[in-house]
Amino acid sequence: MVQRKLVRLPYSVHVATASPDPVLGDGAGFRLITHDTSTGQFPDIAWLKSRFPNARPLLASNNATCKLA
């Protein structure tokens, strides 16, 4: 079996323009819209939670369109 990377998929965090920037390593006062992890774990969710451990979940969805809104 040969393995190689096919694509690069960038991730980002978006904040309302009227909100202050969240503090890296904290995230207190911020609410997150994330993937529903009931079907498994996702690397981007682990990344987000490690960067902003005190942010609270607002919505967990398995619908990509919902997360883009």
PDB file of N, CA and C in Angstrom:
ATOM      1  N   MET A   1       0.841  -1.158   0.000  1.00  0.00           N
ATOM      2  CA  MET A   1       0.000   0.000   0.000  1.00  0.00           C
ATOM      3  C   MET A   1       0.897   1.236   0.000  1.00  0.00           C
ATOM      4  N   VAL A   2       0.564   2.181  -0.851  1.00  0.00           N
ATOM      5  CA  VAL A   2       1.284   3.449  -0.923  1.00  0.00           C
ATOM      6  C   VAL A   2       0.345   4.540  -0.430  1.00  0.00           C
ATOM      7  N   GLN A   3       0.857   5.413   0.408  1.00  0.00           N
ATOM      8  CA  GLN A   3       0.040   6.477   0.961  1.00  0.00           C
ATOM      9  C   GLN A   3       0.634   7.817   0.600  1.00  0.00           C
ATOM     10  N   ARG A   4      -0.225   8.762   0.196  1.00  0.00           N
ATOM     11  CA  ARG A   4       0.232  10.116  -0.069  1.00  0.00           C
ATOM     12  C   ARG A   4      -0.913  11.095   0.177  1.00  0.00           C
ATOM     13  N   LYS A   5      -0.555  12.309   0.485  1.00  0.00           N
ATOM     14  CA  LYS A   5      -1.547  13.339   0.749  1.00  0.00           C
ATOM     15  C   LYS A   5      -2.159  13.797  -0.570  1.00  0.00           C
ATOM     16  N   LEU A   6      -3.480  13.813  -0.644  1.00  0.00           N
ATOM     17  CA  LEU A   6      -4.166  14.227  -1.864  1.00  0.00           C
ATOM     18  C   LEU A   6      -4.467  15.721  -1.897  1.00  0.00           C
ATOM     19  N   VAL A   7      -4.932  16.251  -0.802  1.00  0.00           N
ATOM     20  CA  VAL A   7      -5.299  17.664  -0.755  1.00  0.00           C
ATOM     21  C   VAL A   7      -4.914  18.263   0.589  1.00  0.00           C
ATOM     22  N   ARG A   8      -4.858  19.556   0.619  1.00  0.00           N
ATOM     23  CA  ARG A   8      -4.654  20.300   1.865  1.00  0.00           C
ATOM     24  C   ARG A   8      -5.980  20.964   2.194  1.00  0.00           C
ATOM     25  N   LEU A   9      -6.453  20.789   3.406  1.00  0.00           N
ATOM     26  CA  LEU A   9      -7.725  21.350   3.819  1.00  0.00           C
ATOM     27  C   LEU A   9      -7.489  22.303   4.988  1.00  0.00           C
ATOM     28  N   PRO A  10      -7.494  23.604   4.725  1.00  0.00           N
ATOM     29  CA  PRO A  10      -7.235  24.561   5.812  1.00  0.00           C
ATOM     30  C   PRO A  10      -8.455  24.718   6.724  1.00  0.00           C
ATOM     31  N   TYR A  11      -8.211  24.955   7.996  1.00  0.00           N
ATOM     32  CA  TYR A  11      -9.255  25.228   8.965  1.00  0.00           C
ATOM     33  C   TYR A  11      -9.048  26.638   9.495  1.00  0.00           C
ATOM     34  N   SER A  12     -10.118  27.250   9.955  1.00  0.00           N
ATOM     35  CA  SER A  12      -9.992  28.580  10.537  1.00  0.00           C
ATOM     36  C   SER A  12     -11.082  28.778  11.579  1.00  0.00           C
ATOM     37  N   VAL A  13     -10.896  29.796  12.386  1.00  0.00           N
ATOM     38  CA  VAL A  13     -11.871  30.164  13.406  1.00  0.00           C
ATOM     39  C   VAL A  13     -12.359  31.557  13.048  1.00  0.00           C
ATOM     40  N   HIS A  14     -13.664  31.741  13.065  1.00  0.00           N
ATOM     41  CA  HIS A  14     -14.251  33.032  12.713  1.00  0.00           C
ATOM     42  C   HIS A  14     -14.931  33.638  13.936  1.00  0.00           C
ATOM     43  N   VAL A  15     -14.770  34.946  14.087  1.00  0.00           N
ATOM     44  CA  VAL A  15     -15.341  35.671  15.216  1.00  0.00           C
ATOM     45  C   VAL A  15     -16.082  36.885  14.653  1.00  0.00           C
ATOM     46  N   ALA A  16     -17.201  37.241  15.249  1.00  0.00           N
ATOM     47  CA  ALA A  16     -17.943  38.431  14.823  1.00  0.00           C
ATOM     48  C   ALA A  16     -17.047  39.659  14.904  1.00  0.00           C
ATOM     49  N   THR A  17     -17.195  40.558  13.945  1.00  0.00           N
ATOM     50  CA  THR A  17     -16.327  41.734  13.893  1.00  0.00           C
ATOM     51  C   THR A  17     -16.464  42.608  15.131  1.00  0.00           C
ATOM     52  N   ALA A  18     -17.623  42.609  15.770  1.00  0.00           N
ATOM     53  CA  ALA A  18     -17.822  43.419  16.977  1.00  0.00           C
ATOM     54  C   ALA A  18     -17.236  42.771  18.227  1.00  0.00           C
ATOM     55  N   SER A  19     -16.831  41.509  18.131  1.00  0.00           N
ATOM     56  CA  SER A  19     -16.286  40.796  19.294  1.00  0.00           C
ATOM     57  C   SER A  19     -14.779  40.983  19.390  1.00  0.00           C
ATOM     58  N   PRO A  20     -14.249  40.958  20.605  1.00  0.00           N
ATOM     59  CA  PRO A  20     -12.787  40.979  20.737  1.00  0.00           C
ATOM     60  C   PRO A  20     -12.217  39.637  20.289  1.00  0.00           C
ATOM     61  N   ASP A  21     -10.942  39.597  19.984  1.00  0.00           N
ATOM     62  CA  ASP A  21     -10.306  38.337  19.621  1.00  0.00           C
ATOM     63  C   ASP A  21     -10.246  37.434  20.847  1.00  0.00           C
ATOM     64  N   PRO A  22     -10.546  36.142  20.687  1.00  0.00           N
ATOM     65  CA  PRO A  22     -10.423  35.222  21.824  1.00  0.00           C
ATOM     66  C   PRO A  22      -8.956  35.057  22.209  1.00  0.00           C
ATOM     67  N   VAL A  23      -8.722  34.812  23.471  1.00  0.00           N
ATOM     68  CA  VAL A  23      -7.356  34.620  23.968  1.00  0.00           C
ATOM     69  C   VAL A  23      -6.949  33.170  23.717  1.00  0.00           C
ATOM     70  N   LEU A  24      -5.879  32.983  22.969  1.00  0.00           N
ATOM     71  CA  LEU A  24      -5.375  31.646  22.687  1.00  0.00           C
ATOM     72  C   LEU A  24      -5.009  30.961  24.001  1.00  0.00           C
ATOM     73  N   GLY A  25      -5.498  29.745  24.192  1.00  0.00           N
ATOM     74  CA  GLY A  25      -5.257  29.009  25.427  1.00  0.00           C
ATOM     75  C   GLY A  25      -6.350  29.228  26.463  1.00  0.00           C
ATOM     76  N   ASP A  26      -7.352  30.073  26.138  1.00  0.00           N
ATOM     77  CA  ASP A  26      -8.439  30.342  27.068  1.00  0.00           C
ATOM     78  C   ASP A  26      -9.788  30.186  26.355  1.00  0.00           C
ATOM     79  N   GLY A  27     -10.268  31.219  25.681  1.00  0.00           N
ATOM     80  CA  GLY A  27     -11.542  31.154  24.981  1.00  0.00           C
ATOM     81  C   GLY A  27     -12.751  31.439  25.850  1.00  0.00           C
ATOM     82  N   ALA A  28     -12.540  31.825  27.107  1.00  0.00           N
ATOM     83  CA  ALA A  28     -13.667  32.117  28.001  1.00  0.00           C
ATOM     84  C   ALA A  28     -14.538  33.205  27.394  1.00  0.00           C
ATOM     85  N   GLY A  29     -15.855  33.027  27.493  1.00  0.00           N
ATOM     86  CA  GLY A  29     -16.798  34.001  26.974  1.00  0.00           C
ATOM     87  C   GLY A  29     -17.181  33.763  25.524  1.00  0.00           C
ATOM     88  N   PHE A  30     -16.576  32.776  24.877  1.00  0.00           N
ATOM     89  CA  PHE A  30     -16.898  32.477  23.487  1.00  0.00           C
ATOM     90  C   PHE A  30     -17.660  31.169  23.397  1.00  0.00           C
ATOM     91  N   ARG A  31     -18.522  31.066  22.389  1.00  0.00           N
ATOM     92  CA  ARG A  31     -19.310  29.856  22.165  1.00  0.00           C
ATOM     93  C   ARG A  31     -18.965  29.307  20.798  1.00  0.00           C
ATOM     94  N   LEU A  32     -18.888  27.993  20.682  1.00  0.00           N
ATOM     95  CA  LEU A  32     -18.415  27.334  19.470  1.00  0.00           C
ATOM     96  C   LEU A  32     -19.518  26.594  18.730  1.00  0.00           C
ATOM     97  N   ILE A  33     -19.446  26.628  17.416  1.00  0.00           N
ATOM     98  CA  ILE A  33     -20.259  25.771  16.556  1.00  0.00           C
ATOM     99  C   ILE A  33     -19.305  24.728  16.001  1.00  0.00           C
ATOM    100  N   THR A  34     -19.554  23.452  16.289  1.00  0.00           N
ATOM    101  CA  THR A  34     -18.608  22.392  15.943  1.00  0.00           C
ATOM    102  C   THR A  34     -19.321  21.200  15.310  1.00  0.00           C
ATOM    103  N   HIS A  35     -18.523  20.190  14.944  1.00  0.00           N
ATOM    104  CA  HIS A  35     -19.071  18.925  14.453  1.00  0.00           C
ATOM    105  C   HIS A  35     -19.738  18.168  15.593  1.00  0.00           C
ATOM    106  N   ASP A  36     -20.730  17.381  15.258  1.00  0.00           N
ATOM    107  CA  ASP A  36     -21.319  16.436  16.201  1.00  0.00           C
ATOM    108  C   ASP A  36     -20.348  15.265  16.309  1.00  0.00           C
ATOM    109  N   THR A  37     -19.819  15.008  17.478  1.00  0.00           N
ATOM    110  CA  THR A  37     -18.820  13.947  17.644  1.00  0.00           C
ATOM    111  C   THR A  37     -19.417  12.603  18.044  1.00  0.00           C
ATOM    112  N   SER A  38     -20.744  12.459  17.964  1.00  0.00           N
ATOM    113  CA  SER A  38     -21.364  11.184  18.332  1.00  0.00           C
ATOM    114  C   SER A  38     -20.981  10.063  17.356  1.00  0.00           C
ATOM    115  N   THR A  39     -20.540  10.416  16.157  1.00  0.00           N
ATOM    116  CA  THR A  39     -20.141   9.406  15.168  1.00  0.00           C
ATOM    117  C   THR A  39     -18.638   9.182  15.141  1.00  0.00           C
ATOM    118  N   GLY A  40     -17.901   9.863  15.989  1.00  0.00           N
ATOM    119  CA  GLY A  40     -16.451   9.702  16.032  1.00  0.00           C
ATOM    120  C   GLY A  40     -15.775  11.022  16.347  1.00  0.00           C
ATOM    121  N   GLN A  41     -14.465  10.962  16.449  1.00  0.00           N
ATOM    122  CA  GLN A  41     -13.674  12.152  16.760  1.00  0.00           C
ATOM    123  C   GLN A  41     -13.126  12.765  15.476  1.00  0.00           C
ATOM    124  N   PHE A  42     -12.922  14.064  15.493  1.00  0.00           N
ATOM    125  CA  PHE A  42     -12.405  14.779  14.344  1.00  0.00           C
ATOM    126  C   PHE A  42     -11.183  15.593  14.757  1.00  0.00           C
ATOM    127  N   PRO A  43     -10.113  15.598  13.940  1.00  0.00           N
ATOM    128  CA  PRO A  43      -8.907  16.329  14.303  1.00  0.00           C
ATOM    129  C   PRO A  43      -9.140  17.831  14.480  1.00  0.00           C
ATOM    130  N   ASP A  44     -10.028  18.417  13.684  1.00  0.00           N
ATOM    131  CA  ASP A  44     -10.251  19.856  13.801  1.00  0.00           C
ATOM    132  C   ASP A  44     -10.935  20.217  15.118  1.00  0.00           C
ATOM    133  N   ILE A  45     -11.780  19.333  15.638  1.00  0.00           N
ATOM    134  CA  ILE A  45     -12.424  19.591  16.933  1.00  0.00           C
ATOM    135  C   ILE A  45     -11.392  19.516  18.051  1.00  0.00           C
ATOM    136  N   ALA A  46     -10.516  18.540  17.999  1.00  0.00           N
ATOM    137  CA  ALA A  46      -9.443  18.439  18.999  1.00  0.00           C
ATOM    138  C   ALA A  46      -8.559  19.682  18.947  1.00  0.00           C
ATOM    139  N   TRP A  47      -8.253  20.154  17.742  1.00  0.00           N
ATOM    140  CA  TRP A  47      -7.432  21.363  17.559  1.00  0.00           C
ATOM    141  C   TRP A  47      -8.132  22.562  18.181  1.00  0.00           C
ATOM    142  N   LEU A  48      -9.420  22.732  17.884  1.00  0.00           N
ATOM    143  CA  LEU A  48     -10.179  23.868  18.386  1.00  0.00           C
ATOM    144  C   LEU A  48     -10.274  23.847  19.909  1.00  0.00           C
ATOM    145  N   LYS A  49     -10.584  22.694  20.486  1.00  0.00           N
ATOM    146  CA  LYS A  49     -10.697  22.585  21.942  1.00  0.00           C
ATOM    147  C   LYS A  49      -9.363  22.779  22.644  1.00  0.00           C
ATOM    148  N   SER A  50      -8.270  22.373  22.011  1.00  0.00           N
ATOM    149  CA  SER A  50      -6.957  22.574  22.636  1.00  0.00           C
ATOM    150  C   SER A  50      -6.554  24.046  22.620  1.00  0.00           C
ATOM    151  N   ARG A  51      -6.999  24.793  21.626  1.00  0.00           N
ATOM    152  CA  ARG A  51      -6.673  26.229  21.530  1.00  0.00           C
ATOM    153  C   ARG A  51      -7.563  27.088  22.411  1.00  0.00           C
ATOM    154  N   PHE A  52      -8.830  26.676  22.570  1.00  0.00           N
ATOM    155  CA  PHE A  52      -9.805  27.468  23.330  1.00  0.00           C
ATOM    156  C   PHE A  52     -10.566  26.568  24.303  1.00  0.00           C
ATOM    157  N   PRO A  53      -9.883  26.034  25.321  1.00  0.00           N
ATOM    158  CA  PRO A  53     -10.494  25.036  26.206  1.00  0.00           C
ATOM    159  C   PRO A  53     -11.658  25.563  27.046  1.00  0.00           C
ATOM    160  N   ASN A  54     -11.730  26.858  27.290  1.00  0.00           N
ATOM    161  CA  ASN A  54     -12.802  27.400  28.126  1.00  0.00           C
ATOM    162  C   ASN A  54     -13.984  27.933  27.326  1.00  0.00           C
ATOM    163  N   ALA A  55     -13.936  27.827  26.002  1.00  0.00           N
ATOM    164  CA  ALA A  55     -15.085  28.214  25.183  1.00  0.00           C
ATOM    165  C   ALA A  55     -16.166  27.158  25.338  1.00  0.00           C
ATOM    166  N   ARG A  56     -17.416  27.588  25.354  1.00  0.00           N
ATOM    167  CA  ARG A  56     -18.531  26.656  25.537  1.00  0.00           C
ATOM    168  C   ARG A  56     -19.151  26.299  24.190  1.00  0.00           C
ATOM    169  N   PRO A  57     -19.615  25.072  24.028  1.00  0.00           N
ATOM    170  CA  PRO A  57     -20.297  24.710  22.783  1.00  0.00           C
ATOM    171  C   PRO A  57     -21.667  25.397  22.696  1.00  0.00           C
ATOM    172  N   LEU A  58     -21.986  25.894  21.531  1.00  0.00           N
ATOM    173  CA  LEU A  58     -23.290  26.482  21.264  1.00  0.00           C
ATOM    174  C   LEU A  58     -24.136  25.517  20.447  1.00  0.00           C
ATOM    175  N   LEU A  59     -23.498  24.878  19.454  1.00  0.00           N
ATOM    176  CA  LEU A  59     -24.199  23.985  18.572  1.00  0.00           C
ATOM    177  C   LEU A  59     -23.224  22.934  18.062  1.00  0.00           C
ATOM    178  N   ALA A  60     -23.640  21.683  18.056  1.00  0.00           N
ATOM    179  CA  ALA A  60     -22.866  20.595  17.453  1.00  0.00           C
ATOM    180  C   ALA A  60     -23.739  20.013  16.340  1.00  0.00           C
ATOM    181  N   SER A  61     -23.207  20.003  15.119  1.00  0.00           N
ATOM    182  CA  SER A  61     -24.003  19.589  13.976  1.00  0.00           C
ATOM    183  C   SER A  61     -23.209  18.633  13.087  1.00  0.00           C
ATOM    184  N   ASN A  62     -23.920  17.744  12.401  1.00  0.00           N
ATOM    185  CA  ASN A  62     -23.273  16.897  11.413  1.00  0.00           C
ATOM    186  C   ASN A  62     -23.571  17.394  10.002  1.00  0.00           C
ATOM    187  N   ASN A  63     -24.081  18.626   9.906  1.00  0.00           N
ATOM    188  CA  ASN A  63     -24.440  19.227   8.638  1.00  0.00           C
ATOM    189  C   ASN A  63     -23.452  20.352   8.324  1.00  0.00           C
ATOM    190  N   ALA A  64     -22.636  20.188   7.269  1.00  0.00           N
ATOM    191  CA  ALA A  64     -21.618  21.176   6.922  1.00  0.00           C
ATOM    192  C   ALA A  64     -22.229  22.527   6.578  1.00  0.00           C
ATOM    193  N   THR A  65     -23.381  22.547   5.952  1.00  0.00           N
ATOM    194  CA  THR A  65     -24.019  23.810   5.582  1.00  0.00           C
ATOM    195  C   THR A  65     -24.397  24.617   6.813  1.00  0.00           C
ATOM    196  N   CYS A  66     -24.838  23.951   7.851  1.00  0.00           N
ATOM    197  CA  CYS A  66     -25.204  24.620   9.095  1.00  0.00           C
ATOM    198  C   CYS A  66     -24.003  25.325   9.705  1.00  0.00           C
ATOM    199  N   LYS A  67     -22.831  24.695   9.649  1.00  0.00           N
ATOM    200  CA  LYS A  67     -21.631  25.265  10.244  1.00  0.00           C
ATOM    201  C   LYS A  67     -21.099  26.446   9.438  1.00  0.00           C
ATOM    202  N   LEU A  68     -21.455  26.543   8.163  1.00  0.00           N
ATOM    203  CA  LEU A  68     -20.986  27.640   7.326  1.00  0.00           C
ATOM    204  C   LEU A  68     -21.859  28.884   7.459  1.00  0.00           C
ATOM    205  N   ALA A  69     -23.025  28.731   8.016  1.00  0.00           N
ATOM    206  CA  ALA A  69     -23.961  29.872   8.088  1.00  0.00           C
ATOM    207  C   ALA A  69     -23.500  30.928   9.073  1.00  0.00           C
TER     208      ALA A  69
END
